[in-house]
Amino acid sequence: TIAKLLKKYASEISPSHKGADAEIYRLKSIARSWLGRLDVRYLNKHQFNQYRDDRLTTVSGGSVCAELALVKRVLETAKRRWGVGIPYNPILEIEFPSGSKPRNRRLYDGELERLLTAASSQRNIYITPIIEFAIETGMRRSEILNLRWVDVDLDSGFASLFDTKNGEDRRVPLTKAARDVLLRLPKQDERVFPISANCVRLAWERCRNKAGISDLRFHDLRHEAVSQFFEMGMSV
């Protein structure tokens, strides 16, 4: 069945990928759907067209594209690497939905203050500085959480990032406000922000709800930071 292949891929292939946790979660979710019960010997494009249309009623086109592309990779891996007898990959013949529209959400007047007020009421001491640091640096959540003290040079005002999402290392300039955030933090761990991504996600949702803010994602802080950089006169 497709489910068996998805689970095999999740255990053997996904762990070596960036964003492995999210990919494994998606694989297991698809495996639990009716698509997972299909026999790979008798696949056809109508089944995947139906799956696409079903999913479009509950999630965005971008999410459906990601799911279909993932199943496509699994089927190709099963044929070429594992020798599974799949006559052909029907996903090659179906039309993918249009992807999600690019987000350009920025913070509105007063939203940052409300977010920080809500964050200050959290028991975790790292939530407020993470929000402040994200806006000052434009770093991704994963980059912030992977940042180590040894990679931070407060004297030169730079943080070095390694093994980033696009596979490239880079140096991030630290504003005075970003340096002030770091100076307030305790050095109790090799990581600057020693908490999990799930902890940040849950805390962010609590802060956003308490602040009465809707349609704002943590990644939107990166949009806000980049927009502020341009407004300060910085180039691409």
Protein backbone atom coordinates (compact mmCIF):
# COMPACT_ATOMS: atom_id res chain seq x y z
CA THR A 1 0.00 0.00 0.00
CA ILE A 2 0.94 3.63 -0.32
CA ALA A 3 0.91 3.87 3.47
CA LYS A 4 3.67 1.27 3.81
CA LEU A 5 5.86 3.16 1.34
CA LEU A 6 5.22 6.49 3.08
CA LYS A 7 6.21 5.04 6.45
CA LYS A 8 9.31 3.39 4.98
CA TYR A 9 10.34 6.71 3.44
CA ALA A 10 9.71 8.47 6.77
CA SER A 11 12.01 6.07 8.63
CA GLU A 12 14.78 5.63 6.04
CA ILE A 13 14.95 8.78 3.88
CA SER A 14 13.36 11.73 5.68
CA PRO A 15 15.71 11.84 8.70
CA SER A 16 18.55 13.03 6.44
CA HIS A 17 16.50 15.95 5.06
CA LYS A 18 16.25 19.50 6.31
CA GLY A 19 12.90 19.97 8.00
CA ALA A 20 12.73 16.24 8.69
CA ASP A 21 10.21 16.57 11.51
CA ALA A 22 7.69 18.43 9.36
CA GLU A 23 8.18 16.02 6.46
CA ILE A 24 7.70 12.95 8.65
CA TYR A 25 4.55 14.47 10.16
CA ARG A 26 3.15 15.07 6.67
CA LEU A 27 4.03 11.56 5.49
CA LYS A 28 2.27 9.96 8.45
CA SER A 29 -0.76 12.19 7.98
CA ILE A 30 -1.11 11.17 4.33
CA ALA A 31 -0.61 7.52 5.29
CA ARG A 32 -3.63 7.72 7.61
CA SER A 33 -5.88 9.05 4.84
CA TRP A 34 -7.83 6.89 2.40
CA LEU A 35 -4.99 7.40 -0.09
CA GLY A 36 -2.73 5.34 2.16
CA ARG A 37 -4.90 2.25 1.72
CA LEU A 38 -4.44 2.12 -2.06
CA ASP A 39 -2.57 -0.82 -3.58
CA VAL A 40 0.42 0.55 -5.50
CA ARG A 41 -0.06 -2.00 -8.28
CA TYR A 42 -3.35 -0.45 -9.33
CA LEU A 43 -2.81 3.30 -9.08
CA ASN A 44 -4.39 5.72 -11.55
CA LYS A 45 -4.58 9.48 -11.97
CA HIS A 46 -8.29 9.63 -11.05
CA GLN A 47 -7.46 8.59 -7.49
CA PHE A 48 -4.98 11.44 -7.10
CA ASN A 49 -7.31 13.93 -8.77
CA GLN A 50 -9.90 12.96 -6.15
CA TYR A 51 -7.38 13.28 -3.33
CA ARG A 52 -6.35 16.72 -4.63
CA ASP A 53 -9.95 17.92 -4.80
CA ASP A 54 -10.79 16.53 -1.37
CA ARG A 55 -7.81 18.23 0.26
CA LEU A 56 -8.52 21.57 -1.41
CA THR A 57 -11.71 21.79 0.63
CA THR A 58 -9.72 21.90 3.88
CA VAL A 59 -6.18 23.21 3.16
CA SER A 60 -4.48 25.67 0.83
CA GLY A 61 -3.34 24.94 -2.69
CA GLY A 62 0.26 25.27 -1.55
CA SER A 63 -0.23 22.55 1.06
CA VAL A 64 -1.84 20.23 -1.48
CA CYS A 65 1.05 20.81 -3.91
CA ALA A 66 3.53 19.92 -1.15
CA GLU A 67 1.65 16.72 -0.32
CA LEU A 68 1.41 15.58 -3.93
CA ALA A 69 5.06 16.38 -4.60
CA LEU A 70 6.04 14.38 -1.53
CA VAL A 71 4.01 11.31 -2.56
CA LYS A 72 5.50 11.62 -6.03
CA ARG A 73 9.03 11.46 -4.56
CA VAL A 74 8.09 8.48 -2.44
CA LEU A 75 6.74 6.55 -5.43
CA GLU A 76 9.82 7.36 -7.51
CA THR A 77 12.09 6.25 -4.66
CA ALA A 78 10.11 3.02 -4.30
CA LYS A 79 10.55 2.24 -7.99
CA ARG A 80 14.20 3.17 -8.41
CA ARG A 81 15.75 2.42 -5.03
CA TRP A 82 13.56 -0.25 -3.47
CA GLY A 83 12.51 -2.14 -6.61
CA VAL A 84 8.80 -1.96 -5.84
CA GLY A 85 6.67 -3.04 -8.80
CA ILE A 86 4.84 0.20 -9.55
CA PRO A 87 3.76 0.23 -13.22
CA TYR A 88 3.85 4.03 -13.47
CA ASN A 89 3.60 7.14 -11.35
CA PRO A 90 0.16 8.67 -12.02
CA ILE A 91 1.01 11.90 -10.21
CA LEU A 92 3.08 12.78 -13.29
CA GLU A 93 -0.19 13.14 -15.22
CA ILE A 94 -2.30 15.23 -12.86
CA GLU A 95 -2.60 18.99 -12.67
CA PHE A 96 -1.30 20.53 -9.48
CA PRO A 97 -3.35 23.33 -7.89
CA SER A 98 -1.98 26.85 -7.92
CA GLY A 99 0.30 27.52 -4.98
CA SER A 100 -0.36 29.84 -2.09
CA LYS A 101 -0.12 33.57 -2.70
CA PRO A 102 3.05 35.16 -1.31
CA ARG A 103 2.46 36.72 2.11
CA ASN A 104 3.32 40.34 2.72
CA ARG A 105 1.80 40.67 6.19
CA ARG A 106 3.51 43.26 8.37
CA LEU A 107 2.86 44.40 11.90
CA TYR A 108 0.15 47.03 12.23
CA ASP A 109 0.38 49.96 14.64
CA GLY A 110 0.35 48.78 18.22
CA GLU A 111 0.63 45.05 17.42
CA LEU A 112 4.27 44.69 18.48
CA GLU A 113 3.58 46.34 21.84
CA ARG A 114 0.59 44.04 22.44
CA LEU A 115 2.62 40.98 21.44
CA LEU A 116 5.47 41.86 23.77
CA THR A 117 3.09 42.58 26.62
CA ALA A 118 1.48 39.18 26.12
CA ALA A 119 4.89 37.52 25.80
CA SER A 120 6.10 39.07 29.05
CA SER A 121 3.33 37.20 30.88
CA GLN A 122 4.67 33.83 29.67
CA ARG A 123 6.58 31.71 32.16
CA ASN A 124 9.31 30.99 29.60
CA ILE A 125 11.85 33.80 29.78
CA TYR A 126 12.94 33.33 26.16
CA ILE A 127 9.67 34.17 24.39
CA THR A 128 9.93 37.97 24.58
CA PRO A 129 13.60 38.12 23.49
CA ILE A 130 12.97 35.70 20.62
CA ILE A 131 10.27 37.98 19.21
CA GLU A 132 12.48 41.06 19.63
CA PHE A 133 15.49 39.29 18.13
CA ALA A 134 13.49 38.04 15.11
CA ILE A 135 12.39 41.57 14.22
CA GLU A 136 15.88 43.00 14.66
CA THR A 137 17.70 40.36 12.57
CA GLY A 138 15.24 38.92 10.03
CA MET A 139 16.42 35.43 10.97
CA ARG A 140 14.18 32.41 10.52
CA ARG A 141 12.81 30.67 13.61
CA SER A 142 15.00 27.62 12.96
CA GLU A 143 18.09 29.83 12.60
CA ILE A 144 17.33 31.61 15.87
CA LEU A 145 16.84 28.35 17.75
CA ASN A 146 20.03 26.83 16.29
CA LEU A 147 22.17 29.87 17.10
CA ARG A 148 25.01 29.10 19.53
CA TRP A 149 26.91 31.51 21.73
CA VAL A 150 30.16 30.49 20.03
CA ASP A 151 28.72 31.80 16.73
CA VAL A 152 27.94 35.25 18.18
CA ASP A 153 30.55 38.02 18.15
CA LEU A 154 29.16 40.95 20.09
CA ASP A 155 32.35 42.99 19.58
CA SER A 156 32.15 42.92 15.78
CA GLY A 157 28.34 42.84 15.84
CA PHE A 158 27.81 39.72 13.74
CA ALA A 159 26.17 36.31 14.17
CA SER A 160 27.36 33.46 11.97
CA LEU A 161 24.73 31.03 10.67
CA PHE A 162 25.60 27.57 9.39
CA ASP A 163 23.61 24.94 7.51
CA THR A 164 20.69 27.29 6.87
CA LYS A 165 17.47 26.42 5.03
CA ASN A 166 18.94 27.14 1.59
CA GLY A 167 22.16 25.31 2.46
CA GLU A 168 24.34 28.43 2.56
CA ASP A 169 26.28 29.85 5.50
CA ARG A 170 25.93 33.57 6.14
CA ARG A 171 26.75 36.31 8.63
CA VAL A 172 23.96 38.41 10.07
CA PRO A 173 24.70 41.96 11.25
CA LEU A 174 23.39 42.65 14.75
CA THR A 175 21.75 45.98 15.45
CA LYS A 176 22.26 47.65 18.82
CA ALA A 177 18.81 46.44 19.84
CA ALA A 178 19.70 42.87 18.82
CA ARG A 179 22.92 43.03 20.85
CA ASP A 180 20.99 44.38 23.83
CA VAL A 181 18.64 41.40 23.62
CA LEU A 182 21.60 39.01 23.72
CA LEU A 183 23.25 40.83 26.61
CA ARG A 184 20.12 40.33 28.72
CA LEU A 185 20.09 36.56 28.20
CA PRO A 186 21.62 34.06 30.63
CA LYS A 187 24.38 31.85 29.23
CA GLN A 188 23.14 28.55 30.64
CA ASP A 189 23.45 26.49 27.47
CA GLU A 190 25.56 26.35 24.32
CA ARG A 191 22.50 27.57 22.42
CA VAL A 192 21.45 31.18 22.76
CA PHE A 193 17.76 30.23 22.92
CA PRO A 194 17.67 26.71 24.41
CA ILE A 195 14.01 25.87 23.75
CA SER A 196 12.23 23.73 21.17
CA ALA A 197 10.44 24.84 18.02
CA ASN A 198 7.19 23.39 19.37
CA CYS A 199 7.57 25.45 22.55
CA VAL A 200 7.95 28.61 20.47
CA ARG A 201 4.97 27.66 18.30
CA LEU A 202 2.66 27.13 21.27
CA ALA A 203 3.89 30.25 23.07
CA TRP A 204 3.43 32.30 19.89
CA GLU A 205 -0.16 31.13 19.55
CA ARG A 206 -0.86 32.06 23.18
CA CYS A 207 0.72 35.50 22.75
CA ARG A 208 -1.15 36.19 19.54
CA ASN A 209 -4.48 35.14 21.03
CA LYS A 210 -3.93 37.12 24.24
CA ALA A 211 -2.97 40.18 22.18
CA GLY A 212 -6.13 39.80 20.10
CA ILE A 213 -4.18 39.55 16.84
CA SER A 214 -5.29 37.38 13.91
CA ASP A 215 -3.59 36.26 10.69
CA LEU A 216 -0.07 36.82 11.98
CA ARG A 217 2.56 34.10 11.79
CA PHE A 218 5.96 34.05 13.44
CA HIS A 219 7.53 34.03 9.96
CA ASP A 220 5.82 37.39 9.31
CA LEU A 221 8.33 38.90 11.73
CA ARG A 222 10.94 38.14 9.06
CA HIS A 223 8.88 40.11 6.53
CA GLU A 224 8.66 42.98 9.02
CA ALA A 225 12.42 42.95 9.60
CA VAL A 226 13.29 42.95 5.90
CA SER A 227 10.81 45.76 5.24
CA GLN A 228 12.38 47.80 8.03
CA PHE A 229 15.83 47.18 6.57
CA PHE A 230 14.71 48.62 3.23
CA GLU A 231 13.12 51.60 4.97
CA MET A 232 16.48 52.22 6.67
CA GLY A 233 18.05 52.49 3.21
CA MET A 234 19.67 49.06 2.99
CA SER A 235 20.10 47.40 -0.42
CA VAL A 236 19.13 43.87 -1.47
